[in-house]
Structure formats: C-alpha cells, structure tokens
C-alpha cells in the first residue's frame, strides 16, 4: 500500500511540474478582426525607410527591458489619450506591438475606431524569434558629460 501511495505522489508531483510552466503563461488572445503585420514585413519596411509609427503597448517596465528600435512606449490603458496628445495624422501608418499579440491587436482595433486608417499589430515574440534587434531604455539615454 505504501508503494502505491509513493508512486501516486511521484506521478502527481511530475504532472504538476509539467503543467505549472504552461499555467503561468496565460496570454490574452488576439482580437478577432485585427490585421497583423509580420515581423519580417515590418523589418523590411523599416529597412526601406518607410515611415511607420511603432507603438509598444506593454507596461513601461516591459518596454524598458527591450523593444523594437524607434518604438514609442504607450501602455494600452493610455493609448487613446496619448495618441490624441501626440497629434498623429489619421493617415499615419501605425503598428502596435506587444509580446504575443493580445494587447497590440486590441490596440490596433482601438486605433481604427478612432479613425486611423492604417493600423495593424506585430508580435514581439516573432520579432525576437526572427533575430531582429531590440533596443533597451538605457541605450536611448544621452551620454553623460564630465
């Protein structure tokens, strides 16, 4: 009887160990109807000098840890207010970014509702998987003068 209980406990622990990482990785689903710009296409457009406003809608600490070069960090909760303050033309090509597409797809749809014509989203995890460079907040800081 003790052997069976011991095996049962071991199996239970192994199952918890295997499932625990997946349980901690819950991400908001991509919003239906949002247009996606792939990482390769975004990188190509940027390399060709196309004018694109990249808005990273993650939290400030996520943005500071690494973002697409040239991106502006605006948490999704502040997007509609901050985009109005920036006086961005409604014809501006805007790509919103977050890790897995949940927040950025919702942000792209929100921008469309506000009248921005060319709005889409890009997944930062795809950007990283394809080997594109990230910029960190400290890289943008001006050099100190003695």
Protein backbone atom coordinates (compact mmCIF):
# COMPACT_ATOMS: atom_id res chain seq x y z
CA UNK A 1 0.00 0.00 0.00
CA UNK A 2 2.85 2.43 0.85
CA UNK A 3 4.49 1.73 -2.51
CA UNK A 4 1.32 2.57 -4.44
CA UNK A 5 0.88 5.80 -2.46
CA UNK A 6 4.51 6.73 -3.09
CA UNK A 7 4.12 6.14 -6.83
CA UNK A 8 0.90 8.15 -6.81
CA UNK A 9 2.62 11.06 -5.08
CA UNK A 10 5.52 10.92 -7.56
CA UNK A 11 3.14 10.92 -10.53
CA UNK A 12 1.19 13.83 -9.03
CA UNK A 13 4.38 15.86 -8.50
CA UNK A 14 5.57 15.12 -12.05
CA UNK A 15 2.23 16.22 -13.52
CA UNK A 16 2.31 19.47 -11.50
CA UNK A 17 5.90 20.08 -12.58
CA UNK A 18 4.99 19.58 -16.24
CA UNK A 19 1.82 21.70 -16.16
CA UNK A 20 2.99 24.56 -13.92
CA UNK A 21 5.03 26.47 -16.54
CA UNK A 22 2.14 26.45 -19.01
CA UNK A 23 -0.28 27.67 -16.35
CA UNK A 24 1.88 30.72 -15.69
CA UNK A 25 1.98 31.67 -19.37
CA UNK A 26 -1.58 32.85 -19.90
CA UNK A 27 -1.74 35.48 -22.63
CA UNK A 28 -4.71 37.45 -23.87
CA UNK A 29 -5.95 36.07 -27.19
CA UNK A 30 -5.51 38.01 -30.41
CA UNK A 31 -8.57 40.18 -31.06
CA UNK A 32 -10.66 38.94 -33.99
CA UNK A 33 -10.57 41.27 -36.98
CA UNK A 34 -7.24 42.90 -36.18
CA UNK A 35 -4.75 43.00 -39.06
CA UNK A 36 -1.31 41.56 -38.33
CA UNK A 37 1.96 42.78 -39.79
CA UNK A 38 4.55 40.02 -39.64
CA UNK A 39 7.93 40.71 -38.09
CA UNK A 40 9.76 40.13 -41.39
CA UNK A 41 7.46 42.55 -43.24
CA UNK A 42 7.82 45.21 -40.54
CA UNK A 43 11.61 44.85 -40.53
CA UNK A 44 11.72 45.10 -44.34
CA UNK A 45 9.51 48.21 -44.35
CA UNK A 46 11.68 49.88 -41.71
CA UNK A 47 14.86 48.96 -43.62
CA UNK A 48 13.34 50.53 -46.75
CA UNK A 49 12.82 53.76 -44.81
CA UNK A 50 9.03 53.65 -44.76
CA UNK A 51 7.56 56.00 -42.18
CA UNK A 52 5.86 53.85 -39.56
CA UNK A 53 4.86 54.83 -36.06
CA UNK A 54 5.52 51.81 -33.85
CA UNK A 55 3.63 51.96 -30.56
CA UNK A 56 4.61 49.41 -27.93
CA UNK A 57 1.53 48.99 -25.74
CA UNK A 58 3.18 46.95 -22.97
CA UNK A 59 3.82 48.21 -19.43
CA UNK A 60 6.76 50.62 -19.01
CA UNK A 61 8.98 48.00 -17.33
CA UNK A 62 8.39 45.59 -20.24
CA UNK A 63 9.15 48.34 -22.77
CA UNK A 64 12.34 49.35 -20.94
CA UNK A 65 13.57 45.74 -20.91
CA UNK A 66 13.60 45.64 -24.72
CA UNK A 67 11.57 46.99 -27.63
CA UNK A 68 11.70 47.42 -31.40
CA UNK A 69 14.15 50.23 -32.21
CA UNK A 70 12.34 53.53 -32.65
CA UNK A 71 9.18 52.37 -30.90
CA UNK A 72 7.24 54.67 -28.61
CA UNK A 73 6.08 53.16 -25.33
CA UNK A 74 2.42 53.87 -24.55
CA UNK A 75 0.66 51.42 -22.22
CA UNK A 76 -2.61 50.23 -23.76
CA UNK A 77 -4.61 51.82 -20.95
CA UNK A 78 -3.31 55.26 -22.00
CA UNK A 79 -3.40 54.82 -25.78
CA UNK A 80 -6.48 56.83 -26.79
CA UNK A 81 -5.50 59.79 -24.59
CA UNK A 82 -1.81 59.82 -25.54
CA UNK A 83 -2.36 59.37 -29.30
CA UNK A 84 -4.62 62.45 -29.24
CA UNK A 85 -1.95 64.43 -27.36
CA UNK A 86 0.66 63.43 -29.97
CA UNK A 87 -1.49 64.93 -32.77
CA UNK A 88 -0.76 61.98 -35.08
CA UNK A 89 -2.24 62.28 -38.56
CA UNK A 90 -5.09 59.85 -39.24
CA UNK A 91 -3.18 58.75 -42.39
CA UNK A 92 -0.08 57.67 -40.42
CA UNK A 93 0.87 54.02 -40.71
CA UNK A 94 0.77 52.68 -37.16
CA UNK A 95 1.89 49.27 -35.95
CA UNK A 96 1.16 48.38 -32.34
CA UNK A 97 3.36 45.86 -30.55
CA UNK A 98 3.18 43.59 -27.51
CA UNK A 99 4.68 40.21 -26.66
CA UNK A 100 2.09 37.80 -28.10
CA UNK A 101 -0.47 39.93 -29.93
CA UNK A 102 -3.30 40.13 -27.38
CA UNK A 103 -2.84 43.71 -26.23
CA UNK A 104 -1.46 45.03 -29.52
CA UNK A 105 -4.31 43.55 -31.58
CA UNK A 106 -6.86 45.23 -29.27
CA UNK A 107 -4.87 48.47 -29.57
CA UNK A 108 -4.87 48.27 -33.39
CA UNK A 109 -8.67 47.87 -33.37
CA UNK A 110 -9.00 50.78 -30.92
CA UNK A 111 -6.95 52.99 -33.27
CA UNK A 112 -9.19 52.00 -36.19
CA UNK A 113 -12.25 53.03 -34.14
CA UNK A 114 -10.53 56.38 -33.52
CA UNK A 115 -10.21 56.86 -37.29
CA UNK A 116 -6.62 55.81 -38.00
CA UNK A 117 -6.67 54.22 -41.45
CA UNK A 118 -3.57 52.03 -41.48
CA UNK A 119 -3.33 50.30 -38.16
CA UNK A 120 -2.06 46.78 -37.50
CA UNK A 121 -0.20 44.81 -34.86
CA UNK A 122 3.04 42.85 -34.62
CA UNK A 123 4.11 40.22 -32.10
CA UNK A 124 7.36 40.98 -30.29
CA UNK A 125 8.00 37.28 -29.72
CA UNK A 126 8.02 36.79 -33.53
CA UNK A 127 10.38 39.79 -33.89
CA UNK A 128 12.80 38.18 -31.42
CA UNK A 129 12.48 34.66 -32.89
CA UNK A 130 13.45 36.03 -36.30
CA UNK A 131 16.60 37.53 -34.78
CA UNK A 132 15.76 41.21 -35.14
CA UNK A 133 17.46 43.64 -32.77
CA UNK A 134 15.85 45.02 -29.64
CA UNK A 135 16.66 48.36 -28.11
CA UNK A 136 16.72 48.85 -24.35
CA UNK A 137 15.81 52.02 -22.50
CA UNK A 138 19.38 52.64 -21.34
CA UNK A 139 20.58 52.61 -24.98
CA UNK A 140 18.49 55.71 -25.62
CA UNK A 141 19.92 57.69 -22.71
CA UNK A 142 22.23 60.56 -23.73
CA UNK A 143 25.89 60.14 -22.80
CA UNK A 144 26.99 61.78 -19.57
CA UNK A 145 29.44 64.65 -19.76
CA UNK A 146 32.15 65.05 -17.10
